[in-house]
Amino acid sequence: MKWTINGFSQAAALKMVRTEERRGKVETVRIDATDLLILRWFVDFYPNMEKRVIDGREYAWLKHSKLADDMPLLAITPKSCSARMKKLVSFGILDYKLVKHEGTFSYYTFGQAYESLVDDSRSNGHGVSGQTATGVSSNGHGVSGQTDNKDSSTNDSSTIIQDYDGAPARKPKKPVKHKHGMYEN
């Protein structure tokens, strides 16, 4: 078995399972690869997210539409992102606070169960298995944040990780068109 999936202990994720009754049926709920992809996104962007101290703990503001926009391969809506984040909260991987002040804002931080996903004897304790410390920094939550935002093995600008600002990506500006051409001929 592969030890980690997206830097998280697969063995610990497999243990995160429970049964729930929904609409008269008993269903099994478990942490899956999509949840781990979303958690990896949160971990990667956490250092750059807007923070707020609530009840003595640091929480990061998450705009569910930004998460959906950043992860188009998952083909999920902002509502689905919210449901997946609530699932991570229900397993104790993340903690959640809803703040209603001059708007409604969702804030998340790392829960107790997060430690079990990153604290594995085969990983380096940061949720990254076998990765050297080059280009990686860590905070007290076991969050790995890249200090170098570009893959040095390529010159492709698409490998740059954009900072999280909660706003959708802006379209590049179009070149200015002149009525009579560039040189007014």
N, C-alpha and C. Protein backbone atom coordinates (compact mmCIF):
# COMPACT_ATOMS: atom_id res chain seq x y z
N MET A 1 0.84 -1.18 0.00
CA MET A 1 0.00 0.00 0.00
C MET A 1 0.88 1.24 0.00
N LYS A 2 0.47 2.25 -0.77
CA LYS A 2 1.17 3.53 -0.78
C LYS A 2 0.93 4.21 0.56
N TRP A 3 1.99 4.73 1.18
CA TRP A 3 1.89 5.27 2.54
C TRP A 3 1.12 6.58 2.59
N THR A 4 1.33 7.44 1.57
CA THR A 4 0.68 8.74 1.62
C THR A 4 -0.09 9.02 0.32
N ILE A 5 -1.15 9.76 0.46
CA ILE A 5 -1.92 10.27 -0.67
C ILE A 5 -1.93 11.79 -0.51
N ASN A 6 -1.37 12.49 -1.46
CA ASN A 6 -1.24 13.95 -1.38
C ASN A 6 -0.54 14.40 -0.10
N GLY A 7 0.36 13.57 0.40
CA GLY A 7 1.12 13.91 1.60
C GLY A 7 0.43 13.54 2.90
N PHE A 8 -0.72 12.89 2.84
CA PHE A 8 -1.46 12.49 4.04
C PHE A 8 -1.43 10.97 4.18
N SER A 9 -1.36 10.51 5.41
CA SER A 9 -1.31 9.07 5.68
C SER A 9 -2.56 8.37 5.17
N GLN A 10 -2.35 7.44 4.23
CA GLN A 10 -3.48 6.69 3.69
C GLN A 10 -4.08 5.78 4.77
N ALA A 11 -3.22 5.21 5.61
CA ALA A 11 -3.71 4.33 6.68
C ALA A 11 -4.62 5.10 7.64
N ALA A 12 -4.23 6.32 8.00
CA ALA A 12 -5.05 7.13 8.90
C ALA A 12 -6.36 7.53 8.23
N ALA A 13 -6.31 7.86 6.94
CA ALA A 13 -7.53 8.24 6.21
C ALA A 13 -8.48 7.06 6.11
N LEU A 14 -7.96 5.86 5.93
CA LEU A 14 -8.80 4.67 5.85
C LEU A 14 -9.54 4.39 7.16
N LYS A 15 -8.97 4.80 8.27
CA LYS A 15 -9.61 4.61 9.57
C LYS A 15 -10.75 5.59 9.81
N MET A 16 -10.79 6.65 9.02
CA MET A 16 -11.82 7.68 9.20
C MET A 16 -13.08 7.27 8.44
N VAL A 17 -13.91 6.50 9.09
CA VAL A 17 -15.14 6.00 8.50
C VAL A 17 -16.20 5.91 9.58
N ARG A 18 -17.44 6.16 9.20
CA ARG A 18 -18.55 6.04 10.15
C ARG A 18 -19.82 5.76 9.35
N THR A 19 -20.84 5.33 10.05
CA THR A 19 -22.14 5.12 9.41
C THR A 19 -23.11 6.15 9.93
N GLU A 20 -23.99 6.60 9.02
CA GLU A 20 -25.01 7.59 9.36
C GLU A 20 -26.33 7.15 8.77
N GLU A 21 -27.39 7.55 9.42
CA GLU A 21 -28.72 7.28 8.87
C GLU A 21 -29.18 8.54 8.14
N ARG A 22 -29.49 8.36 6.85
CA ARG A 22 -29.97 9.47 6.02
C ARG A 22 -31.21 9.01 5.27
N ARG A 23 -32.28 9.73 5.47
CA ARG A 23 -33.55 9.42 4.79
C ARG A 23 -33.95 7.95 4.97
N GLY A 24 -33.77 7.45 6.17
CA GLY A 24 -34.17 6.08 6.49
C GLY A 24 -33.19 5.01 6.06
N LYS A 25 -32.06 5.39 5.44
CA LYS A 25 -31.05 4.42 5.01
C LYS A 25 -29.77 4.62 5.81
N VAL A 26 -29.09 3.53 6.06
CA VAL A 26 -27.79 3.60 6.73
C VAL A 26 -26.72 3.71 5.64
N GLU A 27 -25.92 4.77 5.70
CA GLU A 27 -24.88 5.01 4.71
C GLU A 27 -23.52 5.07 5.39
N THR A 28 -22.50 4.62 4.66
CA THR A 28 -21.13 4.70 5.15
C THR A 28 -20.51 5.99 4.63
N VAL A 29 -19.93 6.75 5.53
CA VAL A 29 -19.26 8.01 5.18
C VAL A 29 -17.79 7.82 5.50
N ARG A 30 -16.94 8.16 4.54
CA ARG A 30 -15.49 8.03 4.76
C ARG A 30 -14.75 9.15 4.07
N ILE A 31 -13.53 9.35 4.49
CA ILE A 31 -12.65 10.32 3.85
C ILE A 31 -12.14 9.67 2.57
N ASP A 32 -12.27 10.40 1.44
CA ASP A 32 -11.83 9.85 0.16
C ASP A 32 -10.76 10.74 -0.46
N ALA A 33 -10.33 10.37 -1.66
CA ALA A 33 -9.26 11.10 -2.34
C ALA A 33 -9.65 12.55 -2.64
N THR A 34 -10.91 12.79 -2.96
CA THR A 34 -11.36 14.17 -3.22
C THR A 34 -11.22 15.02 -1.96
N ASP A 35 -11.59 14.45 -0.82
CA ASP A 35 -11.43 15.18 0.44
C ASP A 35 -9.97 15.50 0.70
N LEU A 36 -9.09 14.55 0.40
CA LEU A 36 -7.66 14.78 0.63
C LEU A 36 -7.10 15.82 -0.35
N LEU A 37 -7.63 15.87 -1.58
CA LEU A 37 -7.21 16.92 -2.52
C LEU A 37 -7.63 18.30 -2.01
N ILE A 38 -8.84 18.38 -1.51
CA ILE A 38 -9.33 19.65 -0.97
C ILE A 38 -8.53 20.04 0.27
N LEU A 39 -8.23 19.08 1.12
CA LEU A 39 -7.41 19.36 2.31
C LEU A 39 -6.02 19.81 1.90
N ARG A 40 -5.44 19.20 0.87
CA ARG A 40 -4.11 19.60 0.40
C ARG A 40 -4.16 21.05 -0.09
N TRP A 41 -5.22 21.42 -0.82
CA TRP A 41 -5.37 22.81 -1.27
C TRP A 41 -5.39 23.74 -0.06
N PHE A 42 -6.16 23.39 0.96
CA PHE A 42 -6.27 24.22 2.15
C PHE A 42 -4.91 24.35 2.84
N VAL A 43 -4.21 23.24 2.98
CA VAL A 43 -2.89 23.25 3.62
C VAL A 43 -1.92 24.12 2.82
N ASP A 44 -1.92 23.99 1.51
CA ASP A 44 -0.99 24.75 0.67
C ASP A 44 -1.26 26.25 0.70
N PHE A 45 -2.53 26.64 0.77
CA PHE A 45 -2.87 28.06 0.74
C PHE A 45 -3.02 28.68 2.13
N TYR A 46 -3.09 27.88 3.16
CA TYR A 46 -3.28 28.38 4.52
C TYR A 46 -2.29 29.50 4.89
N PRO A 47 -1.00 29.36 4.60
CA PRO A 47 -0.08 30.44 5.00
C PRO A 47 -0.40 31.80 4.40
N ASN A 48 -1.07 31.83 3.23
CA ASN A 48 -1.35 33.10 2.54
C ASN A 48 -2.78 33.57 2.70
N MET A 49 -3.60 32.83 3.42
CA MET A 49 -5.00 33.18 3.57
C MET A 49 -5.18 34.25 4.65
N GLU A 50 -6.27 35.01 4.52
CA GLU A 50 -6.60 36.02 5.51
C GLU A 50 -6.96 35.31 6.82
N LYS A 51 -6.37 35.74 7.92
CA LYS A 51 -6.55 35.07 9.22
C LYS A 51 -7.34 35.94 10.17
N ARG A 52 -7.92 35.26 11.16
CA ARG A 52 -8.64 35.93 12.23
C ARG A 52 -8.52 35.06 13.47
N VAL A 53 -8.25 35.67 14.61
CA VAL A 53 -8.20 34.93 15.87
C VAL A 53 -9.60 34.90 16.46
N ILE A 54 -10.10 33.67 16.66
CA ILE A 54 -11.43 33.46 17.22
C ILE A 54 -11.28 32.51 18.39
N ASP A 55 -11.75 32.92 19.55
CA ASP A 55 -11.64 32.11 20.77
C ASP A 55 -10.20 31.65 21.02
N GLY A 56 -9.25 32.55 20.75
CA GLY A 56 -7.84 32.26 21.03
C GLY A 56 -7.14 31.39 20.00
N ARG A 57 -7.80 31.03 18.91
CA ARG A 57 -7.18 30.20 17.87
C ARG A 57 -7.20 30.94 16.54
N GLU A 58 -6.19 30.69 15.74
CA GLU A 58 -6.09 31.33 14.43
C GLU A 58 -6.88 30.53 13.40
N TYR A 59 -7.81 31.21 12.73
CA TYR A 59 -8.62 30.61 11.68
C TYR A 59 -8.34 31.34 10.37
N ALA A 60 -8.50 30.64 9.25
CA ALA A 60 -8.31 31.23 7.93
C ALA A 60 -9.66 31.34 7.23
N TRP A 61 -9.89 32.49 6.61
CA TRP A 61 -11.13 32.71 5.87
C TRP A 61 -11.07 31.95 4.56
N LEU A 62 -12.13 31.20 4.27
CA LEU A 62 -12.21 30.44 3.03
C LEU A 62 -13.47 30.81 2.28
N LYS A 63 -13.28 31.22 1.04
CA LYS A 63 -14.40 31.51 0.16
C LYS A 63 -14.59 30.25 -0.70
N HIS A 64 -15.72 29.56 -0.51
CA HIS A 64 -15.94 28.28 -1.18
C HIS A 64 -15.89 28.39 -2.70
N SER A 65 -16.30 29.52 -3.25
CA SER A 65 -16.25 29.68 -4.70
C SER A 65 -14.80 29.75 -5.19
N LYS A 66 -13.91 30.30 -4.39
CA LYS A 66 -12.48 30.36 -4.74
C LYS A 66 -11.90 28.95 -4.79
N LEU A 67 -12.27 28.13 -3.83
CA LEU A 67 -11.82 26.74 -3.82
C LEU A 67 -12.31 26.02 -5.07
N ALA A 68 -13.58 26.19 -5.42
CA ALA A 68 -14.15 25.55 -6.61
C ALA A 68 -13.43 26.03 -7.88
N ASP A 69 -13.14 27.33 -7.95
CA ASP A 69 -12.44 27.89 -9.12
C ASP A 69 -11.01 27.36 -9.23
N ASP A 70 -10.35 27.20 -8.11
CA ASP A 70 -8.96 26.73 -8.10
C ASP A 70 -8.83 25.24 -8.41
N MET A 71 -9.90 24.49 -8.25
CA MET A 71 -9.84 23.03 -8.44
C MET A 71 -10.84 22.58 -9.52
N PRO A 72 -10.73 23.10 -10.76
CA PRO A 72 -11.71 22.75 -11.79
C PRO A 72 -11.72 21.27 -12.15
N LEU A 73 -10.61 20.58 -11.96
CA LEU A 73 -10.55 19.15 -12.27
C LEU A 73 -11.53 18.35 -11.42
N LEU A 74 -11.84 18.85 -10.23
CA LEU A 74 -12.79 18.15 -9.36
C LEU A 74 -14.22 18.31 -9.85
N ALA A 75 -14.49 19.31 -10.67
CA ALA A 75 -15.82 19.57 -11.22
C ALA A 75 -16.89 19.63 -10.12
N ILE A 76 -16.60 20.44 -9.09
CA ILE A 76 -17.56 20.60 -8.00
C ILE A 76 -17.95 22.06 -7.86
N THR A 77 -19.13 22.27 -7.34
CA THR A 77 -19.68 23.61 -7.16
C THR A 77 -19.23 24.18 -5.81
N PRO A 78 -19.40 25.48 -5.61
CA PRO A 78 -19.11 26.05 -4.29
C PRO A 78 -19.93 25.36 -3.18
N LYS A 79 -21.16 24.99 -3.48
CA LYS A 79 -22.00 24.30 -2.49
C LYS A 79 -21.40 22.93 -2.15
N SER A 80 -20.88 22.22 -3.16
CA SER A 80 -20.22 20.94 -2.93
C SER A 80 -18.94 21.12 -2.12
N CYS A 81 -18.21 22.21 -2.41
CA CYS A 81 -16.99 22.51 -1.64
C CYS A 81 -17.34 22.72 -0.18
N SER A 82 -18.42 23.45 0.06
CA SER A 82 -18.87 23.68 1.43
C SER A 82 -19.21 22.36 2.11
N ALA A 83 -19.90 21.47 1.40
CA ALA A 83 -20.26 20.17 1.97
C ALA A 83 -19.02 19.34 2.27
N ARG A 84 -18.02 19.38 1.38
CA ARG A 84 -16.78 18.63 1.61
C ARG A 84 -16.02 19.19 2.81
N MET A 85 -16.00 20.52 2.94
CA MET A 85 -15.33 21.13 4.09
C MET A 85 -16.05 20.75 5.39
N LYS A 86 -17.39 20.74 5.37
CA LYS A 86 -18.15 20.32 6.54
C LYS A 86 -17.88 18.87 6.89
N LYS A 87 -17.66 18.05 5.87
CA LYS A 87 -17.30 16.64 6.10
C LYS A 87 -15.95 16.55 6.82
N LEU A 88 -14.98 17.35 6.37
CA LEU A 88 -13.67 17.37 7.05
C LEU A 88 -13.81 17.85 8.49
N VAL A 89 -14.73 18.79 8.72
CA VAL A 89 -15.00 19.27 10.07
C VAL A 89 -15.64 18.16 10.90
N SER A 90 -16.58 17.44 10.31
CA SER A 90 -17.30 16.38 11.06
C SER A 90 -16.36 15.26 11.50
N PHE A 91 -15.27 15.05 10.77
CA PHE A 91 -14.28 14.05 11.17
C PHE A 91 -13.21 14.63 12.09
N GLY A 92 -13.30 15.92 12.40
CA GLY A 92 -12.34 16.55 13.32
C GLY A 92 -11.03 16.93 12.66
N ILE A 93 -10.95 16.82 11.34
CA ILE A 93 -9.72 17.18 10.63
C ILE A 93 -9.56 18.69 10.61
N LEU A 94 -10.68 19.40 10.44
CA LEU A 94 -10.69 20.85 10.49
C LEU A 94 -11.69 21.30 11.54
N ASP A 95 -11.51 22.50 12.05
CA ASP A 95 -12.49 23.15 12.92
C ASP A 95 -13.05 24.33 12.16
N TYR A 96 -14.28 24.69 12.47
CA TYR A 96 -15.02 25.68 11.68
C TYR A 96 -15.69 26.71 12.57
N LYS A 97 -15.68 27.94 12.10
CA LYS A 97 -16.42 29.03 12.74
C LYS A 97 -17.10 29.83 11.65
N LEU A 98 -18.38 30.12 11.86
CA LEU A 98 -19.14 30.98 10.97
C LEU A 98 -19.23 32.35 11.62
N VAL A 99 -18.79 33.37 10.91
CA VAL A 99 -18.79 34.73 11.44
C VAL A 99 -19.77 35.56 10.62
N LYS A 100 -20.74 36.15 11.32
CA LYS A 100 -21.72 37.03 10.68
C LYS A 100 -21.49 38.43 11.21
N HIS A 101 -20.65 39.16 10.53
CA HIS A 101 -20.35 40.55 10.87
C HIS A 101 -19.99 41.25 9.56
N GLU A 102 -20.85 42.17 9.14
CA GLU A 102 -20.67 42.85 7.86
C GLU A 102 -20.58 41.83 6.72
N GLY A 103 -21.38 40.79 6.82
CA GLY A 103 -21.38 39.70 5.84
C GLY A 103 -21.31 38.37 6.56
N THR A 104 -21.29 37.31 5.81
CA THR A 104 -21.19 35.97 6.38
C THR A 104 -19.91 35.34 5.87
N PHE A 105 -19.05 34.87 6.80
CA PHE A 105 -17.74 34.37 6.45
C PHE A 105 -17.49 33.01 7.10
N SER A 106 -16.88 32.11 6.33
CA SER A 106 -16.51 30.78 6.82
C SER A 106 -15.02 30.78 7.15
N TYR A 107 -14.71 30.41 8.38
CA TYR A 107 -13.32 30.35 8.84
C TYR A 107 -13.00 28.92 9.25
N TYR A 108 -11.81 28.45 8.87
CA TYR A 108 -11.39 27.08 9.18
C TYR A 108 -9.99 27.11 9.78
N THR A 109 -9.73 26.12 10.64
CA THR A 109 -8.39 25.88 11.16
C THR A 109 -8.22 24.38 11.30
N PHE A 110 -7.07 23.95 11.74
CA PHE A 110 -6.77 22.52 11.82
C PHE A 110 -7.32 21.93 13.11
N GLY A 111 -8.00 20.80 12.98
CA GLY A 111 -8.57 20.10 14.12
C GLY A 111 -7.63 19.03 14.64
N GLN A 112 -8.06 18.36 15.71
CA GLN A 112 -7.23 17.34 16.34
C GLN A 112 -6.93 16.17 15.41
N ALA A 113 -7.89 15.75 14.62
CA ALA A 113 -7.69 14.58 13.75
C ALA A 113 -6.72 14.87 12.61
N TYR A 114 -6.46 16.15 12.33
CA TYR A 114 -5.50 16.49 11.28
C TYR A 114 -4.13 15.89 11.60
N GLU A 115 -3.78 15.94 12.87
CA GLU A 115 -2.47 15.43 13.28
C GLU A 115 -2.28 13.97 12.89
N SER A 116 -3.34 13.17 12.98
CA SER A 116 -3.21 11.75 12.63
C SER A 116 -2.94 11.56 11.14
N LEU A 117 -3.37 12.49 10.31
CA LEU A 117 -3.11 12.39 8.88
C LEU A 117 -1.68 12.76 8.51
N VAL A 118 -1.06 13.61 9.31
CA VAL A 118 0.30 14.05 8.99
C VAL A 118 1.35 13.46 9.91
N ASP A 119 0.93 12.92 11.04
CA ASP A 119 1.87 12.36 12.01
C ASP A 119 1.98 10.86 11.79
N ASP A 120 2.82 10.49 10.84
CA ASP A 120 3.03 9.09 10.51
C ASP A 120 4.52 8.84 10.54
N SER A 121 4.94 7.70 11.03
CA SER A 121 6.37 7.41 11.15
C SER A 121 7.07 7.37 9.80
N ARG A 122 6.31 7.22 8.71
CA ARG A 122 6.93 7.17 7.39
C ARG A 122 6.96 8.54 6.70
N SER A 123 6.33 9.54 7.30
CA SER A 123 6.36 10.88 6.70
C SER A 123 7.31 11.74 7.52
N ASN A 124 7.55 12.95 7.02
CA ASN A 124 8.47 13.84 7.73
C ASN A 124 7.77 14.70 8.77
N GLY A 125 6.49 14.40 9.07
CA GLY A 125 5.78 15.15 10.09
C GLY A 125 5.10 16.40 9.59
N HIS A 126 5.27 16.71 8.31
CA HIS A 126 4.64 17.90 7.74
C HIS A 126 3.58 17.54 6.72
N GLY A 127 3.19 16.28 6.68
CA GLY A 127 2.21 15.87 5.69
C GLY A 127 2.85 15.63 4.34
N VAL A 128 4.20 15.59 4.31
CA VAL A 128 4.92 15.35 3.08
C VAL A 128 5.89 14.21 3.32
N SER A 129 5.73 13.13 2.59
CA SER A 129 6.58 11.97 2.78
C SER A 129 7.78 12.01 1.86
N GLY A 130 8.97 11.89 2.45
CA GLY A 130 10.19 11.79 1.67
C GLY A 130 10.64 13.07 1.00
N GLN A 131 10.02 14.17 1.25
CA GLN A 131 10.40 15.44 0.62
C GLN A 131 11.43 16.12 1.50
N THR A 132 12.46 16.66 0.87
CA THR A 132 13.47 17.36 1.65
C THR A 132 12.95 18.73 2.03
N ALA A 133 13.64 19.38 2.92
CA ALA A 133 13.19 20.67 3.43
C ALA A 133 13.44 21.81 2.45
N THR A 134 14.12 21.54 1.33
CA THR A 134 14.40 22.59 0.37
C THR A 134 13.11 23.17 -0.18
N GLY A 135 12.91 24.45 -0.03
CA GLY A 135 11.74 25.11 -0.56
C GLY A 135 10.48 24.90 0.25
N VAL A 136 10.59 24.28 1.43
CA VAL A 136 9.41 24.01 2.24
C VAL A 136 9.63 24.56 3.64
N SER A 137 8.65 25.28 4.13
CA SER A 137 8.70 25.75 5.51
C SER A 137 7.50 25.17 6.23
N SER A 138 7.51 25.20 7.55
CA SER A 138 6.41 24.61 8.31
C SER A 138 6.02 25.54 9.43
N ASN A 139 4.72 25.53 9.76
CA ASN A 139 4.29 26.28 10.93
C ASN A 139 3.96 25.29 12.04
N GLY A 140 3.43 25.75 13.14
CA GLY A 140 3.16 24.90 14.28
C GLY A 140 2.03 23.91 14.08
N HIS A 141 1.30 24.02 12.96
CA HIS A 141 0.19 23.11 12.69
C HIS A 141 0.60 21.95 11.80
N GLY A 142 1.88 21.84 11.45
CA GLY A 142 2.29 20.81 10.51
C GLY A 142 1.95 21.19 9.09
N VAL A 143 1.78 22.48 8.84
CA VAL A 143 1.43 22.95 7.52
C VAL A 143 2.70 23.24 6.75
N SER A 144 2.83 22.63 5.61
CA SER A 144 3.97 22.91 4.75
C SER A 144 3.61 24.03 3.81
N GLY A 145 4.42 25.05 3.78
CA GLY A 145 4.20 26.14 2.85
C GLY A 145 5.42 26.29 1.97
N GLN A 146 5.21 26.35 0.67
CA GLN A 146 6.34 26.49 -0.21
C GLN A 146 6.91 27.89 -0.09
N THR A 147 8.23 27.96 0.01
CA THR A 147 8.87 29.26 0.03
C THR A 147 9.25 29.68 -1.37
N ASP A 148 9.40 28.72 -2.27
CA ASP A 148 9.70 28.99 -3.66
C ASP A 148 8.47 28.57 -4.45
N ASN A 149 7.77 29.54 -5.07
CA ASN A 149 6.50 29.27 -5.71
C ASN A 149 6.61 28.68 -7.10
N LYS A 150 7.80 28.40 -7.59
CA LYS A 150 7.92 27.90 -8.94
C LYS A 150 8.76 26.64 -8.96
N ASP A 151 8.34 25.70 -9.77
CA ASP A 151 9.08 24.47 -10.00
C ASP A 151 10.32 24.84 -10.79
N SER A 152 11.48 24.66 -10.20
CA SER A 152 12.71 25.09 -10.86
C SER A 152 13.08 24.21 -12.04
N SER A 153 12.39 23.07 -12.23
CA SER A 153 12.73 22.18 -13.32
C SER A 153 12.10 22.61 -14.64
N THR A 154 11.32 23.67 -14.63
CA THR A 154 10.66 24.12 -15.85
C THR A 154 10.60 25.63 -15.89
N ASN A 155 10.47 26.16 -17.07
CA ASN A 155 10.30 27.61 -17.23
C ASN A 155 8.85 27.95 -17.51
N ASP A 156 7.96 26.97 -17.42
CA ASP A 156 6.54 27.16 -17.71
C ASP A 156 5.91 28.02 -16.62
N SER A 157 5.34 29.17 -16.99
CA SER A 157 4.76 30.08 -16.01
C SER A 157 3.49 29.51 -15.38
N SER A 158 2.92 28.45 -15.94
CA SER A 158 1.70 27.88 -15.36
C SER A 158 1.99 27.14 -14.06
N THR A 159 3.26 26.93 -13.72
CA THR A 159 3.59 26.23 -12.48
C THR A 159 3.68 27.16 -11.29
N ILE A 160 3.49 28.44 -11.49
CA ILE A 160 3.52 29.39 -10.38
C ILE A 160 2.26 29.23 -9.55
N ILE A 161 2.41 29.13 -8.23
CA ILE A 161 1.27 29.04 -7.33
C ILE A 161 0.84 30.47 -7.01
N GLN A 162 -0.42 30.78 -7.30
CA GLN A 162 -0.92 32.11 -7.04
C GLN A 162 -1.29 32.25 -5.57
N ASP A 163 -1.06 33.41 -5.01
CA ASP A 163 -1.44 33.68 -3.63
C ASP A 163 -2.95 33.66 -3.49
N TYR A 164 -3.42 33.20 -2.35
CA TYR A 164 -4.85 33.17 -2.08
C TYR A 164 -5.27 34.54 -1.59
N ASP A 165 -6.19 35.16 -2.30
CA ASP A 165 -6.70 36.45 -1.85
C ASP A 165 -8.22 36.45 -1.75
N GLY A 166 -8.84 35.31 -2.07
CA GLY A 166 -10.28 35.20 -1.97
C GLY A 166 -11.02 35.77 -3.16
N ALA A 167 -10.30 36.43 -4.05
CA ALA A 167 -10.95 37.02 -5.23
C ALA A 167 -10.69 36.14 -6.44
N PRO A 168 -11.63 36.12 -7.37
CA PRO A 168 -11.39 35.32 -8.57
C PRO A 168 -10.24 35.88 -9.38
N ALA A 169 -9.60 35.01 -10.14
CA ALA A 169 -8.47 35.44 -10.96
C ALA A 169 -8.96 36.46 -11.99
N ARG A 170 -8.15 37.45 -12.22
CA ARG A 170 -8.51 38.49 -13.18
C ARG A 170 -8.01 38.11 -14.56
N LYS A 171 -8.78 38.48 -15.57
CA LYS A 171 -8.37 38.22 -16.95
C LYS A 171 -7.23 39.16 -17.30
N PRO A 172 -6.28 38.68 -18.13
CA PRO A 172 -5.21 39.58 -18.54
C PRO A 172 -5.77 40.71 -19.39
N LYS A 173 -5.14 41.87 -19.29
CA LYS A 173 -5.60 43.03 -20.05
C LYS A 173 -5.34 42.80 -21.53
N LYS A 174 -6.31 43.23 -22.36
CA LYS A 174 -6.16 43.13 -23.80
C LYS A 174 -5.29 44.28 -24.29
N PRO A 175 -4.54 44.02 -25.37
CA PRO A 175 -3.71 45.12 -25.90
C PRO A 175 -4.61 46.26 -26.39
N VAL A 176 -4.10 47.47 -26.25
CA VAL A 176 -4.85 48.66 -26.67
C VAL A 176 -4.92 48.69 -28.19
N LYS A 177 -6.14 48.86 -28.71
CA LYS A 177 -6.31 48.96 -30.17
C LYS A 177 -6.46 50.43 -30.54
N HIS A 178 -5.75 50.83 -31.56
CA HIS A 178 -5.83 52.20 -32.05
C HIS A 178 -6.73 52.24 -33.28
N LYS A 179 -7.45 53.34 -33.44
CA LYS A 179 -8.40 53.47 -34.53
C LYS A 179 -7.74 53.28 -35.89
N HIS A 180 -6.56 53.78 -36.05
CA HIS A 180 -5.86 53.71 -37.34
C HIS A 180 -4.60 52.87 -37.24
N GLY A 181 -4.62 51.86 -36.42
CA GLY A 181 -3.45 51.01 -36.29
C GLY A 181 -2.51 51.54 -35.22
N MET A 182 -1.52 50.78 -34.94
CA MET A 182 -0.59 51.11 -33.87
C MET A 182 0.15 52.43 -34.11
N TYR A 183 0.44 52.71 -35.39
CA TYR A 183 1.19 53.91 -35.71
C TYR A 183 0.28 54.97 -36.36
N GLU A 184 -1.04 54.80 -36.19
CA GLU A 184 -2.05 55.71 -36.71
C GLU A 184 -1.91 55.93 -38.20
N ASN A 185 -1.68 54.87 -38.94
CA ASN A 185 -1.60 54.94 -40.42
C ASN A 185 -2.96 54.78 -41.02
